[in-house]
Amino acid sequence: MSSPLRRVLVIDDQPDVRTMVSIVLRISRFEVVEAASATAGLNEFESSKFDLAIVDIFLQGSNGIDVIRKMRERIPGFPIVAISGMTTLDFVLDTPELFNVICLQKPFRPADLVHAIEAATAPQSQGEGDVRVAGKAAT
């Protein structure tokens, strides 16, 4: 008996990014639900069960950090990969909502996404709380 597919919610306002992420996830045997806005993503999150979310930090007309905060209020420790097109991700170190979130800078390679998912879903030791940028700890 095979294990069920892990469900991933992808929230990004750029259709090409959502498509690329979804293709990589499906090839990696994930079930994918896409959302084009913070509101649509939070509605999906509230109405269904997911194993992981991939959230764009800078959504048009919204803030991915708020989305992450709301997800974590509902399910503390929920695995999240935050993605951003910013040229630097230094701001994440000063953002408490990104506690224990893997941050990945766009553009990224499919292998980088898979590694970020593995890091986000890996068991955490009690007391760990680093913000991890592209798989590296940034304490």
N, C-alpha and C. Protein backbone atom coordinates (compact mmCIF):
# COMPACT_ATOMS: atom_id res chain seq x y z
N MET A 1 0.85 -1.19 0.00
CA MET A 1 0.00 0.00 0.00
C MET A 1 0.89 1.25 0.00
N SER A 2 0.65 2.14 -0.92
CA SER A 2 1.48 3.35 -1.00
C SER A 2 0.93 4.42 -0.07
N SER A 3 1.82 5.28 0.39
CA SER A 3 1.40 6.34 1.29
C SER A 3 0.66 7.41 0.49
N PRO A 4 -0.28 8.09 1.16
CA PRO A 4 -1.03 9.13 0.44
C PRO A 4 -0.11 10.28 0.06
N LEU A 5 -0.48 10.98 -1.00
CA LEU A 5 0.29 12.15 -1.43
C LEU A 5 0.20 13.22 -0.35
N ARG A 6 1.31 13.89 -0.13
CA ARG A 6 1.29 15.03 0.79
C ARG A 6 0.68 16.21 0.07
N ARG A 7 -0.16 16.96 0.78
CA ARG A 7 -0.87 18.10 0.18
C ARG A 7 -0.13 19.40 0.46
N VAL A 8 0.07 20.18 -0.59
CA VAL A 8 0.78 21.45 -0.48
C VAL A 8 -0.11 22.56 -1.02
N LEU A 9 -0.20 23.64 -0.27
CA LEU A 9 -0.90 24.84 -0.70
C LEU A 9 0.14 25.84 -1.21
N VAL A 10 -0.01 26.26 -2.47
CA VAL A 10 0.91 27.22 -3.09
C VAL A 10 0.17 28.54 -3.25
N ILE A 11 0.67 29.58 -2.57
CA ILE A 11 0.05 30.91 -2.64
C ILE A 11 1.05 31.86 -3.28
N ASP A 12 0.77 32.26 -4.51
CA ASP A 12 1.62 33.21 -5.23
C ASP A 12 0.75 33.92 -6.25
N ASP A 13 0.92 35.23 -6.38
CA ASP A 13 0.08 35.99 -7.32
C ASP A 13 0.61 35.97 -8.75
N GLN A 14 1.77 35.36 -8.97
CA GLN A 14 2.33 35.27 -10.32
C GLN A 14 2.01 33.88 -10.90
N PRO A 15 1.18 33.83 -11.95
CA PRO A 15 0.78 32.53 -12.51
C PRO A 15 1.96 31.67 -12.96
N ASP A 16 2.99 32.29 -13.53
CA ASP A 16 4.13 31.49 -14.00
C ASP A 16 4.89 30.84 -12.84
N VAL A 17 4.99 31.54 -11.73
CA VAL A 17 5.65 30.98 -10.55
C VAL A 17 4.81 29.84 -9.98
N ARG A 18 3.50 30.06 -9.85
CA ARG A 18 2.62 28.99 -9.35
C ARG A 18 2.72 27.75 -10.22
N THR A 19 2.73 27.95 -11.54
CA THR A 19 2.80 26.82 -12.47
C THR A 19 4.11 26.07 -12.30
N MET A 20 5.23 26.78 -12.26
CA MET A 20 6.53 26.13 -12.10
C MET A 20 6.60 25.36 -10.78
N VAL A 21 6.19 26.00 -9.70
CA VAL A 21 6.21 25.34 -8.39
C VAL A 21 5.32 24.10 -8.41
N SER A 22 4.14 24.23 -8.99
CA SER A 22 3.20 23.11 -9.03
C SER A 22 3.74 21.94 -9.84
N ILE A 23 4.38 22.24 -10.96
CA ILE A 23 4.97 21.16 -11.78
C ILE A 23 6.04 20.41 -10.98
N VAL A 24 6.93 21.16 -10.33
CA VAL A 24 7.99 20.53 -9.54
C VAL A 24 7.38 19.67 -8.43
N LEU A 25 6.35 20.19 -7.78
CA LEU A 25 5.72 19.44 -6.70
C LEU A 25 5.03 18.17 -7.20
N ARG A 26 4.32 18.29 -8.30
CA ARG A 26 3.63 17.10 -8.84
C ARG A 26 4.62 16.03 -9.28
N ILE A 27 5.73 16.43 -9.90
CA ILE A 27 6.77 15.48 -10.28
C ILE A 27 7.33 14.80 -9.03
N SER A 28 7.38 15.56 -7.93
CA SER A 28 7.89 15.03 -6.66
C SER A 28 6.81 14.33 -5.85
N ARG A 29 5.67 14.05 -6.47
CA ARG A 29 4.58 13.28 -5.89
C ARG A 29 3.84 13.98 -4.75
N PHE A 30 3.61 15.27 -4.92
CA PHE A 30 2.78 16.03 -4.00
C PHE A 30 1.44 16.31 -4.67
N GLU A 31 0.40 16.39 -3.87
CA GLU A 31 -0.88 16.91 -4.34
C GLU A 31 -0.84 18.42 -4.12
N VAL A 32 -1.20 19.19 -5.14
CA VAL A 32 -1.03 20.65 -5.09
C VAL A 32 -2.37 21.36 -5.21
N VAL A 33 -2.56 22.37 -4.36
CA VAL A 33 -3.68 23.28 -4.47
C VAL A 33 -3.07 24.67 -4.64
N GLU A 34 -3.49 25.38 -5.69
CA GLU A 34 -2.95 26.71 -5.98
C GLU A 34 -3.93 27.80 -5.56
N ALA A 35 -3.36 28.92 -5.11
CA ALA A 35 -4.17 30.10 -4.79
C ALA A 35 -3.43 31.33 -5.31
N ALA A 36 -4.18 32.23 -5.96
CA ALA A 36 -3.58 33.40 -6.60
C ALA A 36 -3.57 34.64 -5.71
N SER A 37 -4.09 34.53 -4.49
CA SER A 37 -4.13 35.69 -3.60
C SER A 37 -4.09 35.22 -2.15
N ALA A 38 -3.81 36.16 -1.26
CA ALA A 38 -3.80 35.84 0.17
C ALA A 38 -5.17 35.37 0.62
N THR A 39 -6.22 36.05 0.18
CA THR A 39 -7.58 35.69 0.58
C THR A 39 -7.93 34.28 0.11
N ALA A 40 -7.66 33.99 -1.15
CA ALA A 40 -7.96 32.66 -1.69
C ALA A 40 -7.14 31.58 -0.95
N GLY A 41 -5.88 31.89 -0.67
CA GLY A 41 -5.03 30.94 0.03
C GLY A 41 -5.52 30.67 1.44
N LEU A 42 -5.88 31.71 2.16
CA LEU A 42 -6.38 31.51 3.53
C LEU A 42 -7.72 30.78 3.53
N ASN A 43 -8.56 31.05 2.53
CA ASN A 43 -9.83 30.30 2.43
C ASN A 43 -9.56 28.82 2.22
N GLU A 44 -8.62 28.48 1.34
CA GLU A 44 -8.25 27.08 1.12
C GLU A 44 -7.70 26.46 2.41
N PHE A 45 -6.83 27.21 3.07
CA PHE A 45 -6.19 26.72 4.29
C PHE A 45 -7.23 26.43 5.37
N GLU A 46 -8.22 27.29 5.48
CA GLU A 46 -9.27 27.12 6.49
C GLU A 46 -10.22 25.96 6.18
N SER A 47 -10.38 25.65 4.89
CA SER A 47 -11.40 24.67 4.51
C SER A 47 -10.85 23.28 4.21
N SER A 48 -9.54 23.11 4.27
CA SER A 48 -8.95 21.83 3.90
C SER A 48 -7.70 21.57 4.72
N LYS A 49 -7.20 20.35 4.65
CA LYS A 49 -6.00 19.97 5.41
C LYS A 49 -4.80 19.95 4.46
N PHE A 50 -3.70 20.56 4.91
CA PHE A 50 -2.46 20.59 4.14
C PHE A 50 -1.31 20.14 5.01
N ASP A 51 -0.26 19.63 4.35
CA ASP A 51 0.95 19.21 5.04
C ASP A 51 2.03 20.28 5.01
N LEU A 52 1.87 21.25 4.11
CA LEU A 52 2.90 22.28 3.90
C LEU A 52 2.27 23.41 3.09
N ALA A 53 2.79 24.63 3.28
CA ALA A 53 2.39 25.75 2.42
C ALA A 53 3.64 26.42 1.87
N ILE A 54 3.53 26.88 0.63
CA ILE A 54 4.56 27.70 -0.01
C ILE A 54 3.90 29.05 -0.26
N VAL A 55 4.45 30.09 0.38
CA VAL A 55 3.79 31.40 0.39
C VAL A 55 4.74 32.47 -0.12
N ASP A 56 4.29 33.24 -1.12
CA ASP A 56 5.04 34.39 -1.59
C ASP A 56 4.96 35.47 -0.51
N ILE A 57 6.09 36.04 -0.16
CA ILE A 57 6.12 37.07 0.89
C ILE A 57 5.43 38.36 0.44
N PHE A 58 5.65 38.74 -0.82
CA PHE A 58 5.10 40.00 -1.32
C PHE A 58 4.02 39.72 -2.35
N LEU A 59 2.81 39.51 -1.86
CA LEU A 59 1.65 39.28 -2.72
C LEU A 59 1.07 40.63 -3.12
N GLN A 60 0.57 40.71 -4.35
CA GLN A 60 -0.03 41.96 -4.82
C GLN A 60 -1.22 42.32 -3.94
N GLY A 61 -1.18 43.52 -3.38
CA GLY A 61 -2.28 44.01 -2.55
C GLY A 61 -2.37 43.34 -1.20
N SER A 62 -1.35 42.60 -0.80
CA SER A 62 -1.40 41.88 0.45
C SER A 62 0.01 41.63 0.96
N ASN A 63 0.09 40.93 2.06
CA ASN A 63 1.37 40.67 2.68
C ASN A 63 1.43 39.19 3.06
N GLY A 64 2.39 38.47 2.47
CA GLY A 64 2.54 37.05 2.76
C GLY A 64 2.90 36.78 4.20
N ILE A 65 3.56 37.74 4.86
CA ILE A 65 3.90 37.57 6.27
C ILE A 65 2.64 37.47 7.10
N ASP A 66 1.61 38.27 6.77
CA ASP A 66 0.33 38.17 7.47
C ASP A 66 -0.32 36.82 7.23
N VAL A 67 -0.20 36.31 6.02
CA VAL A 67 -0.74 34.98 5.70
C VAL A 67 -0.05 33.93 6.57
N ILE A 68 1.26 34.00 6.64
CA ILE A 68 2.03 33.06 7.46
C ILE A 68 1.61 33.15 8.92
N ARG A 69 1.47 34.38 9.43
CA ARG A 69 1.07 34.58 10.82
C ARG A 69 -0.29 33.93 11.09
N LYS A 70 -1.24 34.13 10.18
CA LYS A 70 -2.58 33.55 10.37
C LYS A 70 -2.55 32.03 10.32
N MET A 71 -1.72 31.48 9.43
CA MET A 71 -1.59 30.02 9.36
C MET A 71 -1.03 29.47 10.67
N ARG A 72 0.00 30.14 11.17
CA ARG A 72 0.65 29.68 12.40
C ARG A 72 -0.23 29.90 13.63
N GLU A 73 -1.11 30.90 13.59
CA GLU A 73 -2.06 31.06 14.69
C GLU A 73 -3.02 29.88 14.75
N ARG A 74 -3.41 29.41 13.58
CA ARG A 74 -4.34 28.28 13.50
C ARG A 74 -3.63 26.96 13.81
N ILE A 75 -2.43 26.77 13.25
CA ILE A 75 -1.67 25.54 13.46
C ILE A 75 -0.22 25.92 13.79
N PRO A 76 0.10 26.07 15.07
CA PRO A 76 1.48 26.42 15.46
C PRO A 76 2.47 25.40 14.89
N GLY A 77 3.58 25.91 14.37
CA GLY A 77 4.61 25.03 13.84
C GLY A 77 4.33 24.47 12.46
N PHE A 78 3.24 24.91 11.83
CA PHE A 78 2.89 24.42 10.50
C PHE A 78 4.06 24.67 9.54
N PRO A 79 4.48 23.65 8.75
CA PRO A 79 5.63 23.82 7.84
C PRO A 79 5.33 24.78 6.69
N ILE A 80 6.22 25.75 6.53
CA ILE A 80 6.03 26.79 5.50
C ILE A 80 7.37 27.08 4.82
N VAL A 81 7.30 27.21 3.49
CA VAL A 81 8.41 27.74 2.72
C VAL A 81 7.94 29.10 2.21
N ALA A 82 8.67 30.16 2.59
CA ALA A 82 8.35 31.50 2.11
C ALA A 82 9.25 31.80 0.93
N ILE A 83 8.66 32.33 -0.14
CA ILE A 83 9.44 32.67 -1.33
C ILE A 83 9.33 34.16 -1.59
N SER A 84 10.41 34.73 -2.14
CA SER A 84 10.43 36.17 -2.39
C SER A 84 11.33 36.49 -3.56
N GLY A 85 10.92 37.49 -4.34
CA GLY A 85 11.73 37.98 -5.45
C GLY A 85 12.65 39.11 -5.05
N MET A 86 12.68 39.46 -3.77
CA MET A 86 13.58 40.53 -3.32
C MET A 86 15.03 40.12 -3.55
N THR A 87 15.86 41.10 -3.86
CA THR A 87 17.26 40.79 -4.14
C THR A 87 18.02 40.39 -2.88
N THR A 88 17.51 40.77 -1.73
CA THR A 88 18.11 40.34 -0.48
C THR A 88 17.00 39.92 0.47
N LEU A 89 17.27 38.93 1.27
CA LEU A 89 16.28 38.45 2.23
C LEU A 89 16.67 38.81 3.66
N ASP A 90 17.51 39.84 3.81
CA ASP A 90 17.97 40.24 5.13
C ASP A 90 16.81 40.59 6.07
N PHE A 91 15.72 41.10 5.55
CA PHE A 91 14.59 41.52 6.37
C PHE A 91 13.98 40.36 7.16
N VAL A 92 14.17 39.13 6.70
CA VAL A 92 13.53 38.00 7.38
C VAL A 92 14.07 37.79 8.78
N LEU A 93 15.31 38.18 9.02
CA LEU A 93 15.90 37.99 10.34
C LEU A 93 15.20 38.84 11.39
N ASP A 94 14.57 39.93 10.98
CA ASP A 94 13.88 40.84 11.90
C ASP A 94 12.37 40.65 11.88
N THR A 95 11.91 39.53 11.33
CA THR A 95 10.48 39.29 11.17
C THR A 95 10.07 38.08 12.01
N PRO A 96 9.50 38.31 13.20
CA PRO A 96 9.18 37.19 14.08
C PRO A 96 8.20 36.19 13.47
N GLU A 97 7.35 36.63 12.55
CA GLU A 97 6.40 35.71 11.91
C GLU A 97 7.11 34.64 11.08
N LEU A 98 8.37 34.89 10.73
CA LEU A 98 9.12 33.94 9.93
C LEU A 98 9.95 32.99 10.78
N PHE A 99 9.67 32.95 12.07
CA PHE A 99 10.30 32.01 13.00
C PHE A 99 10.10 30.60 12.47
N ASN A 100 11.20 29.89 12.27
CA ASN A 100 11.16 28.50 11.81
C ASN A 100 10.49 28.34 10.44
N VAL A 101 10.68 29.30 9.57
CA VAL A 101 10.18 29.24 8.20
C VAL A 101 11.40 29.18 7.28
N ILE A 102 11.32 28.36 6.26
CA ILE A 102 12.39 28.30 5.26
C ILE A 102 12.11 29.40 4.24
N CYS A 103 13.09 30.23 3.97
CA CYS A 103 12.94 31.32 3.00
C CYS A 103 13.77 31.03 1.76
N LEU A 104 13.14 31.16 0.61
CA LEU A 104 13.79 30.83 -0.66
C LEU A 104 13.65 32.03 -1.60
N GLN A 105 14.76 32.44 -2.18
CA GLN A 105 14.78 33.61 -3.05
C GLN A 105 14.50 33.21 -4.50
N LYS A 106 13.59 33.95 -5.14
CA LYS A 106 13.31 33.76 -6.57
C LYS A 106 14.40 34.45 -7.38
N PRO A 107 14.76 33.99 -8.51
CA PRO A 107 14.35 32.69 -9.07
C PRO A 107 15.14 31.57 -8.39
N PHE A 108 14.54 30.41 -8.31
CA PHE A 108 15.21 29.27 -7.71
C PHE A 108 15.08 28.07 -8.62
N ARG A 109 15.98 27.14 -8.45
CA ARG A 109 15.97 25.91 -9.25
C ARG A 109 15.03 24.91 -8.61
N PRO A 110 14.49 23.97 -9.39
CA PRO A 110 13.62 22.95 -8.81
C PRO A 110 14.27 22.21 -7.64
N ALA A 111 15.55 21.90 -7.74
CA ALA A 111 16.23 21.19 -6.64
C ALA A 111 16.25 22.04 -5.37
N ASP A 112 16.38 23.37 -5.52
CA ASP A 112 16.36 24.25 -4.35
C ASP A 112 15.01 24.19 -3.65
N LEU A 113 13.94 24.15 -4.44
CA LEU A 113 12.60 24.06 -3.88
C LEU A 113 12.42 22.75 -3.12
N VAL A 114 12.86 21.66 -3.72
CA VAL A 114 12.74 20.35 -3.06
C VAL A 114 13.53 20.34 -1.76
N HIS A 115 14.73 20.90 -1.77
CA HIS A 115 15.54 20.95 -0.54
C HIS A 115 14.87 21.82 0.53
N ALA A 116 14.26 22.93 0.11
CA ALA A 116 13.56 23.80 1.06
C ALA A 116 12.37 23.08 1.68
N ILE A 117 11.65 22.30 0.89
CA ILE A 117 10.51 21.53 1.41
C ILE A 117 11.00 20.49 2.41
N GLU A 118 12.08 19.81 2.06
CA GLU A 118 12.64 18.82 2.99
C GLU A 118 13.04 19.47 4.31
N ALA A 119 13.66 20.64 4.24
CA ALA A 119 14.08 21.35 5.45
C ALA A 119 12.87 21.81 6.27
N ALA A 120 11.83 22.28 5.58
CA ALA A 120 10.64 22.79 6.27
C ALA A 120 9.87 21.68 6.97
N THR A 121 9.93 20.47 6.42
CA THR A 121 9.16 19.37 6.99
C THR A 121 9.99 18.46 7.88
N ALA A 122 11.28 18.75 8.00
CA ALA A 122 12.14 17.94 8.88
C ALA A 122 11.76 18.20 10.33
N PRO A 123 11.82 17.17 11.16
CA PRO A 123 11.51 17.36 12.58
C PRO A 123 12.45 18.40 13.20
N GLN A 124 11.91 19.26 14.02
CA GLN A 124 12.69 20.30 14.69
C GLN A 124 12.92 19.91 16.14
N SER A 125 14.10 20.19 16.64
CA SER A 125 14.39 19.98 18.05
C SER A 125 13.64 21.02 18.86
N GLN A 126 13.26 20.64 20.08
CA GLN A 126 12.59 21.59 20.97
C GLN A 126 13.51 22.79 21.17
N GLY A 127 12.99 23.97 21.02
CA GLY A 127 13.77 25.18 21.23
C GLY A 127 14.40 25.72 19.97
N GLU A 128 14.42 24.95 18.89
CA GLU A 128 14.97 25.49 17.64
C GLU A 128 14.00 26.52 17.11
N GLY A 129 14.52 27.57 16.53
CA GLY A 129 13.64 28.59 16.00
C GLY A 129 14.33 29.51 15.04
N ASP A 130 15.28 29.00 14.33
CA ASP A 130 16.01 29.83 13.38
C ASP A 130 15.14 30.21 12.20
N VAL A 131 15.42 31.37 11.64
CA VAL A 131 14.94 31.70 10.32
C VAL A 131 15.98 31.13 9.38
N ARG A 132 15.56 30.31 8.45
CA ARG A 132 16.52 29.68 7.55
C ARG A 132 16.30 30.21 6.15
N VAL A 133 17.36 30.78 5.59
CA VAL A 133 17.30 31.37 4.25
C VAL A 133 17.94 30.40 3.28
N ALA A 134 17.16 29.95 2.30
CA ALA A 134 17.66 29.05 1.26
C ALA A 134 18.41 27.86 1.85
N GLY A 135 17.87 27.33 2.96
CA GLY A 135 18.43 26.13 3.54
C GLY A 135 19.59 26.35 4.50
N LYS A 136 20.04 27.60 4.67
CA LYS A 136 21.12 27.88 5.60
C LYS A 136 20.55 28.56 6.83
N ALA A 137 21.02 28.18 7.99
CA ALA A 137 20.55 28.82 9.23
C ALA A 137 21.09 30.24 9.28
N ALA A 138 20.21 31.16 9.66
CA ALA A 138 20.60 32.57 9.82
C ALA A 138 20.17 33.01 11.20
N THR A 139 21.01 32.79 12.17
CA THR A 139 20.63 33.09 13.56
C THR A 139 21.09 34.46 13.99
